[in-house]
Each structure stands twice: as structure tokens, then as C-alpha cells.
Amino acid sequence: MSEYIHIGKLAATHGLQGEFVLKHVLGRKTDFKNTSAIFIEKIKGEYLPYFHEKSTIKNDAETIIKLEGINTKEAAASLLQKKVWLTKTNFDSLVSKTAPVNLIGFTVYNDNEKLGSVESVIEQPLQVLLQLTIKNKEVLIPLNEATLLHIDRKKKEVHVSLPAGLLEVYLGNN
């Protein structure tokens, strides 16, 4: 089974021919022409493949994309705001090495204590949140100038210094 990486969403329709504005977090201009398919999560956990017909790069975070079988604005509207996923192989070939989403799979250390592996990245205007699971609980680690010590891309490590008590908010005092 393929591993899927969440890269964005179908943010808006474009024109009358069933095209979309695909907002993505890949960190560079991307036309998706060399991807086998993008996957849309219509139902949680079910990834349906949609094949690329044509695309136009808008900027480093948006691509106008036409998918096979979606030929009207109304058909496109039924998929609006749906999450878009790529296979790990396609993701690796498209993502910028400096894009925050590229931190998925990195190990997070808080003051040299291993916390766990990054499962997901949530980008917000002033910071990035790394989602981890610690002791079977979801934990969000903020990355900003106050918490980030450094990123070691060769070792696939993120080193942070978290405010006192932050982990206890998620994990309790156990």
C-alpha cells in the first residue's frame, strides 16, 4: 500500500471547463505533469485517484489544474475544498527541500530529549506546527523563532526548546 502525503486542497474553481485552483505547500512552482495522479480524499481515509489533463503554474503555492473527467464548473464544484494527497514517490520528486511539509518523518528533539516523529505539518501565518503522537496522544509542536533551535536535514532531525509546561498540556502530569 502506498503512503500518501497531504499537500493541499482544491481551493476554487477556475473558468467553465472544470479547472481548479490547487493550493499546495510544496514550496515551489509545480505543474504536476509528471505525477501519475493526485489523490482526493472524498471520504476520510479513502484516496481516489484523479489523473492530470493539463495545468498552469500560478505561483509557488498555487497551480491551475484540469483533471480527467471533470469537464464543467458544476462538476468541479463538487470537489471544492477537498484535501489533495500525493504518493510518497511523487511527493519526494516535487517538494522543495526547504518546504516545511518536507519535515514529515523527521525526528523531533526537545532539549536533546527525543519526542517522536513528525506525522503532519500544519502551516499557519506566524508559525508552523508539527504534529506528533506521544504516548498515544496527538501533540502539536510550534516551530517559530522562539522555539526552533535548528534543523539537521542530513540526520532528519528537528531540535526545539519548548516552553515549560507545553508538553504537559497534551500529556497531563503522568
C-alpha atoms as a PDB file:
ATOM      1  CA  MET A   1       0.000   0.000   0.000  1.00  0.00           C
ATOM      2  CA  SER A   2       1.266   3.450  -0.904  1.00  0.00           C
ATOM      3  CA  GLU A   3       1.964   6.064   1.698  1.00  0.00           C
ATOM      4  CA  TYR A   4       0.105   9.302   0.988  1.00  0.00           C
ATOM      5  CA  ILE A   5       1.223  12.823   1.910  1.00  0.00           C
ATOM      6  CA  HIS A   6      -1.301  15.663   2.286  1.00  0.00           C
ATOM      7  CA  ILE A   7      -0.138  18.575   0.107  1.00  0.00           C
ATOM      8  CA  GLY A   8      -3.087  20.954  -0.105  1.00  0.00           C
ATOM      9  CA  LYS A   9      -6.654  21.375  -1.258  1.00  0.00           C
ATOM     10  CA  LEU A  10      -8.810  22.275  -4.234  1.00  0.00           C
ATOM     11  CA  ALA A  11      -9.414  25.879  -3.207  1.00  0.00           C
ATOM     12  CA  ALA A  12     -11.552  27.250  -6.037  1.00  0.00           C
ATOM     13  CA  THR A  13     -12.920  26.556  -9.481  1.00  0.00           C
ATOM     14  CA  HIS A  14     -11.312  28.340 -12.406  1.00  0.00           C
ATOM     15  CA  GLY A  15     -13.177  29.064 -15.611  1.00  0.00           C
ATOM     16  CA  LEU A  16     -16.016  26.981 -17.047  1.00  0.00           C
ATOM     17  CA  GLN A  17     -14.180  23.821 -18.147  1.00  0.00           C
ATOM     18  CA  GLY A  18     -13.825  22.124 -14.754  1.00  0.00           C
ATOM     19  CA  GLU A  19     -10.426  23.508 -13.791  1.00  0.00           C
ATOM     20  CA  PHE A  20      -9.357  24.096 -10.187  1.00  0.00           C
ATOM     21  CA  VAL A  21      -7.003  26.305  -8.241  1.00  0.00           C
ATOM     22  CA  LEU A  22      -4.953  23.764  -6.294  1.00  0.00           C
ATOM     23  CA  LYS A  23      -3.366  25.399  -3.220  1.00  0.00           C
ATOM     24  CA  HIS A  24      -0.325  23.368  -2.166  1.00  0.00           C
ATOM     25  CA  VAL A  25       2.508  23.507   0.360  1.00  0.00           C
ATOM     26  CA  LEU A  26       5.258  22.057  -1.830  1.00  0.00           C
ATOM     27  CA  GLY A  27       7.320  25.246  -1.582  1.00  0.00           C
ATOM     28  CA  ARG A  28       7.983  25.707  -5.285  1.00  0.00           C
ATOM     29  CA  LYS A  29       6.257  26.213  -8.617  1.00  0.00           C
ATOM     30  CA  THR A  30       4.764  22.863  -9.586  1.00  0.00           C
ATOM     31  CA  ASP A  31       2.778  21.777 -12.640  1.00  0.00           C
ATOM     32  CA  PHE A  32       2.076  18.152 -11.550  1.00  0.00           C
ATOM     33  CA  LYS A  33       2.686  16.954 -15.156  1.00  0.00           C
ATOM     34  CA  ASN A  34       4.994  14.125 -14.098  1.00  0.00           C
ATOM     35  CA  THR A  35       2.739  12.788 -11.351  1.00  0.00           C
ATOM     36  CA  SER A  36       0.854   9.589 -12.043  1.00  0.00           C
ATOM     37  CA  ALA A  37      -2.202  11.008 -10.268  1.00  0.00           C
ATOM     38  CA  ILE A  38      -3.278  13.268  -7.475  1.00  0.00           C
ATOM     39  CA  PHE A  39      -5.487  11.710  -4.840  1.00  0.00           C
ATOM     40  CA  ILE A  40      -8.572  13.348  -3.404  1.00  0.00           C
ATOM     41  CA  GLU A  41      -9.964  12.330  -0.053  1.00  0.00           C
ATOM     42  CA  LYS A  42     -13.728  12.326  -0.665  1.00  0.00           C
ATOM     43  CA  ILE A  43     -14.334  10.188   2.436  1.00  0.00           C
ATOM     44  CA  LYS A  44     -11.841  10.194   5.338  1.00  0.00           C
ATOM     45  CA  GLY A  45      -9.137   7.605   4.706  1.00  0.00           C
ATOM     46  CA  GLU A  46     -10.212   6.855   1.105  1.00  0.00           C
ATOM     47  CA  TYR A  47      -7.945   8.305  -1.555  1.00  0.00           C
ATOM     48  CA  LEU A  48      -9.419   8.367  -5.059  1.00  0.00           C
ATOM     49  CA  PRO A  49      -7.009   8.933  -7.959  1.00  0.00           C
ATOM     50  CA  TYR A  50      -7.618  11.768 -10.406  1.00  0.00           C
ATOM     51  CA  PHE A  51      -5.405  11.984 -13.464  1.00  0.00           C
ATOM     52  CA  HIS A  52      -3.736  15.165 -14.685  1.00  0.00           C
ATOM     53  CA  GLU A  53      -5.014  16.507 -18.005  1.00  0.00           C
ATOM     54  CA  LYS A  54      -3.315  19.923 -18.082  1.00  0.00           C
ATOM     55  CA  SER A  55      -2.074  22.588 -15.713  1.00  0.00           C
ATOM     56  CA  THR A  56      -0.721  26.103 -15.475  1.00  0.00           C
ATOM     57  CA  ILE A  57       1.565  27.302 -12.718  1.00  0.00           C
ATOM     58  CA  LYS A  58       0.115  30.340 -10.952  1.00  0.00           C
ATOM     59  CA  ASN A  59       2.800  30.832  -8.261  1.00  0.00           C
ATOM     60  CA  ASP A  60       4.854  28.760  -5.804  1.00  0.00           C
ATOM     61  CA  ALA A  61       1.733  27.874  -3.796  1.00  0.00           C
ATOM     62  CA  GLU A  62      -0.989  27.585  -6.467  1.00  0.00           C
ATOM     63  CA  THR A  63      -1.464  25.680  -9.693  1.00  0.00           C
ATOM     64  CA  ILE A  64      -4.463  25.804 -12.011  1.00  0.00           C
ATOM     65  CA  ILE A  65      -5.144  22.157 -12.793  1.00  0.00           C
ATOM     66  CA  LYS A  66      -7.552  20.294 -15.073  1.00  0.00           C
ATOM     67  CA  LEU A  67      -8.347  16.703 -14.111  1.00  0.00           C
ATOM     68  CA  GLU A  68      -9.603  13.986 -16.455  1.00  0.00           C
ATOM     69  CA  GLY A  69     -13.368  13.508 -16.295  1.00  0.00           C
ATOM     70  CA  ILE A  70     -14.099  16.878 -14.664  1.00  0.00           C
ATOM     71  CA  ASN A  71     -15.405  18.997 -17.553  1.00  0.00           C
ATOM     72  CA  THR A  72     -17.801  21.560 -16.087  1.00  0.00           C
ATOM     73  CA  LYS A  73     -17.694  24.176 -13.379  1.00  0.00           C
ATOM     74  CA  GLU A  74     -20.546  22.308 -11.634  1.00  0.00           C
ATOM     75  CA  ALA A  75     -18.612  19.011 -11.617  1.00  0.00           C
ATOM     76  CA  ALA A  76     -15.582  20.842 -10.248  1.00  0.00           C
ATOM     77  CA  ALA A  77     -17.690  22.495  -7.538  1.00  0.00           C
ATOM     78  CA  SER A  78     -18.487  19.073  -6.052  1.00  0.00           C
ATOM     79  CA  LEU A  79     -14.791  18.636  -5.191  1.00  0.00           C
ATOM     80  CA  LEU A  80     -14.131  22.107  -3.803  1.00  0.00           C
ATOM     81  CA  GLN A  81     -12.241  22.302  -0.502  1.00  0.00           C
ATOM     82  CA  LYS A  82     -11.349  18.586  -0.691  1.00  0.00           C
ATOM     83  CA  LYS A  83      -7.895  17.629   0.566  1.00  0.00           C
ATOM     84  CA  VAL A  84      -5.310  16.637  -2.049  1.00  0.00           C
ATOM     85  CA  TRP A  85      -2.697  13.947  -1.471  1.00  0.00           C
ATOM     86  CA  LEU A  86       0.296  12.583  -3.399  1.00  0.00           C
ATOM     87  CA  THR A  87       2.047   9.253  -3.180  1.00  0.00           C
ATOM     88  CA  LYS A  88       5.331   9.441  -1.256  1.00  0.00           C
ATOM     89  CA  THR A  89       7.281   8.928  -4.513  1.00  0.00           C
ATOM     90  CA  ASN A  90       5.555  11.819  -6.312  1.00  0.00           C
ATOM     91  CA  PHE A  91       5.774  13.993  -3.202  1.00  0.00           C
ATOM     92  CA  ASP A  92       9.549  13.434  -2.925  1.00  0.00           C
ATOM     93  CA  SER A  93      10.053  14.431  -6.569  1.00  0.00           C
ATOM     94  CA  LEU A  94       8.022  17.667  -6.273  1.00  0.00           C
ATOM     95  CA  VAL A  95       8.647  19.105  -2.812  1.00  0.00           C
ATOM     96  CA  SER A  96      11.194  21.828  -2.194  1.00  0.00           C
ATOM     97  CA  LYS A  97      13.839  20.649   0.245  1.00  0.00           C
ATOM     98  CA  THR A  98      13.187  23.749   2.366  1.00  0.00           C
ATOM     99  CA  ALA A  99       9.370  23.480   2.436  1.00  0.00           C
ATOM    100  CA  PRO A 100       8.031  22.891   5.961  1.00  0.00           C
ATOM    101  CA  VAL A 101       5.985  19.898   4.731  1.00  0.00           C
ATOM    102  CA  ASN A 102       9.303  18.219   3.911  1.00  0.00           C
ATOM    103  CA  LEU A 103       9.816  17.778   7.690  1.00  0.00           C
ATOM    104  CA  ILE A 104       7.383  14.827   7.703  1.00  0.00           C
ATOM    105  CA  GLY A 105       9.279  11.819   9.017  1.00  0.00           C
ATOM    106  CA  PHE A 106      11.903  13.917  10.829  1.00  0.00           C
ATOM    107  CA  THR A 107      12.585  13.128  14.499  1.00  0.00           C
ATOM    108  CA  VAL A 108      11.847  15.960  16.954  1.00  0.00           C
ATOM    109  CA  TYR A 109      14.088  16.588  19.967  1.00  0.00           C
ATOM    110  CA  ASN A 110      13.211  18.957  22.814  1.00  0.00           C
ATOM    111  CA  ASP A 111      16.434  19.995  24.557  1.00  0.00           C
ATOM    112  CA  ASN A 112      18.030  16.688  23.404  1.00  0.00           C
ATOM    113  CA  GLU A 113      15.077  14.539  24.590  1.00  0.00           C
ATOM    114  CA  LYS A 114      13.602  12.522  21.712  1.00  0.00           C
ATOM    115  CA  LEU A 115       9.872  13.278  21.377  1.00  0.00           C
ATOM    116  CA  GLY A 116       8.884  11.355  18.258  1.00  0.00           C
ATOM    117  CA  SER A 117       8.472  11.529  14.512  1.00  0.00           C
ATOM    118  CA  VAL A 118       6.672  14.279  12.566  1.00  0.00           C
ATOM    119  CA  GLU A 119       3.415  12.854  11.181  1.00  0.00           C
ATOM    120  CA  SER A 120       1.967  16.018   9.693  1.00  0.00           C
ATOM    121  CA  VAL A 121       2.825  19.701   9.226  1.00  0.00           C
ATOM    122  CA  ILE A 122       0.278  22.488   9.731  1.00  0.00           C
ATOM    123  CA  GLU A 123       1.333  25.823   8.251  1.00  0.00           C
ATOM    124  CA  GLN A 124      -0.052  28.941   9.908  1.00  0.00           C
ATOM    125  CA  PRO A 125       0.738  32.601   9.194  1.00  0.00           C
ATOM    126  CA  LEU A 126       3.263  33.139  12.016  1.00  0.00           C
ATOM    127  CA  GLN A 127       4.441  29.614  12.740  1.00  0.00           C
ATOM    128  CA  VAL A 128       4.470  26.015  11.634  1.00  0.00           C
ATOM    129  CA  LEU A 129       3.007  23.273  13.844  1.00  0.00           C
ATOM    130  CA  LEU A 130       4.475  19.775  13.802  1.00  0.00           C
ATOM    131  CA  GLN A 131       2.008  17.014  14.652  1.00  0.00           C
ATOM    132  CA  LEU A 132       3.405  14.048  16.583  1.00  0.00           C
ATOM    133  CA  THR A 133       1.908  11.228  18.610  1.00  0.00           C
ATOM    134  CA  ILE A 134       3.407  10.837  22.082  1.00  0.00           C
ATOM    135  CA  LYS A 135       2.018   8.221  24.485  1.00  0.00           C
ATOM    136  CA  ASN A 136      -0.936   7.698  22.107  1.00  0.00           C
ATOM    137  CA  LYS A 137      -1.864  11.404  22.262  1.00  0.00           C
ATOM    138  CA  GLU A 138      -1.698  13.995  19.497  1.00  0.00           C
ATOM    139  CA  VAL A 139       0.829  16.733  20.280  1.00  0.00           C
ATOM    140  CA  LEU A 140       1.377  19.948  18.296  1.00  0.00           C
ATOM    141  CA  ILE A 141       4.883  21.378  18.463  1.00  0.00           C
ATOM    142  CA  PRO A 142       5.170  25.043  17.417  1.00  0.00           C
ATOM    143  CA  LEU A 143       8.086  25.992  15.192  1.00  0.00           C
ATOM    144  CA  ASN A 144       8.897  29.675  15.350  1.00  0.00           C
ATOM    145  CA  GLU A 145      11.896  31.843  16.133  1.00  0.00           C
ATOM    146  CA  ALA A 146      11.380  31.339  19.880  1.00  0.00           C
ATOM    147  CA  THR A 147      11.236  27.519  19.820  1.00  0.00           C
ATOM    148  CA  LEU A 148      13.327  26.339  16.854  1.00  0.00           C
ATOM    149  CA  LEU A 149      16.978  25.673  17.662  1.00  0.00           C
ATOM    150  CA  HIS A 150      17.989  24.072  14.354  1.00  0.00           C
ATOM    151  CA  ILE A 151      17.071  21.557  11.660  1.00  0.00           C
ATOM    152  CA  ASP A 152      19.569  18.867  10.673  1.00  0.00           C
ATOM    153  CA  ARG A 153      18.400  17.751   7.220  1.00  0.00           C
ATOM    154  CA  LYS A 154      21.120  15.097   6.859  1.00  0.00           C
ATOM    155  CA  LYS A 155      20.129  13.356  10.118  1.00  0.00           C
ATOM    156  CA  LYS A 156      16.417  14.211   9.589  1.00  0.00           C
ATOM    157  CA  GLU A 157      16.173  15.910  12.990  1.00  0.00           C
ATOM    158  CA  VAL A 158      14.352  18.991  14.284  1.00  0.00           C
ATOM    159  CA  HIS A 159      15.727  20.446  17.520  1.00  0.00           C
ATOM    160  CA  VAL A 160      13.460  22.678  19.607  1.00  0.00           C
ATOM    161  CA  SER A 161      13.367  24.227  23.054  1.00  0.00           C
ATOM    162  CA  LEU A 162       9.737  24.236  24.169  1.00  0.00           C
ATOM    163  CA  PRO A 163       8.251  26.472  26.856  1.00  0.00           C
ATOM    164  CA  ALA A 164       7.949  24.800  30.264  1.00  0.00           C
ATOM    165  CA  GLY A 165       4.631  23.010  30.637  1.00  0.00           C
ATOM    166  CA  LEU A 166       3.711  22.815  26.947  1.00  0.00           C
ATOM    167  CA  LEU A 167       4.031  19.031  26.712  1.00  0.00           C
ATOM    168  CA  GLU A 168       2.117  18.592  29.982  1.00  0.00           C
ATOM    169  CA  VAL A 169      -0.854  20.401  28.390  1.00  0.00           C
ATOM    170  CA  TYR A 170      -1.093  17.493  25.925  1.00  0.00           C
ATOM    171  CA  LEU A 171       0.148  14.615  28.059  1.00  0.00           C
ATOM    172  CA  GLY A 172      -1.021  15.507  31.570  1.00  0.00           C
ATOM    173  CA  ASN A 173       1.314  15.090  34.551  1.00  0.00           C
ATOM    174  CA  ASN A 174       1.691  11.320  34.181  1.00  0.00           C
END
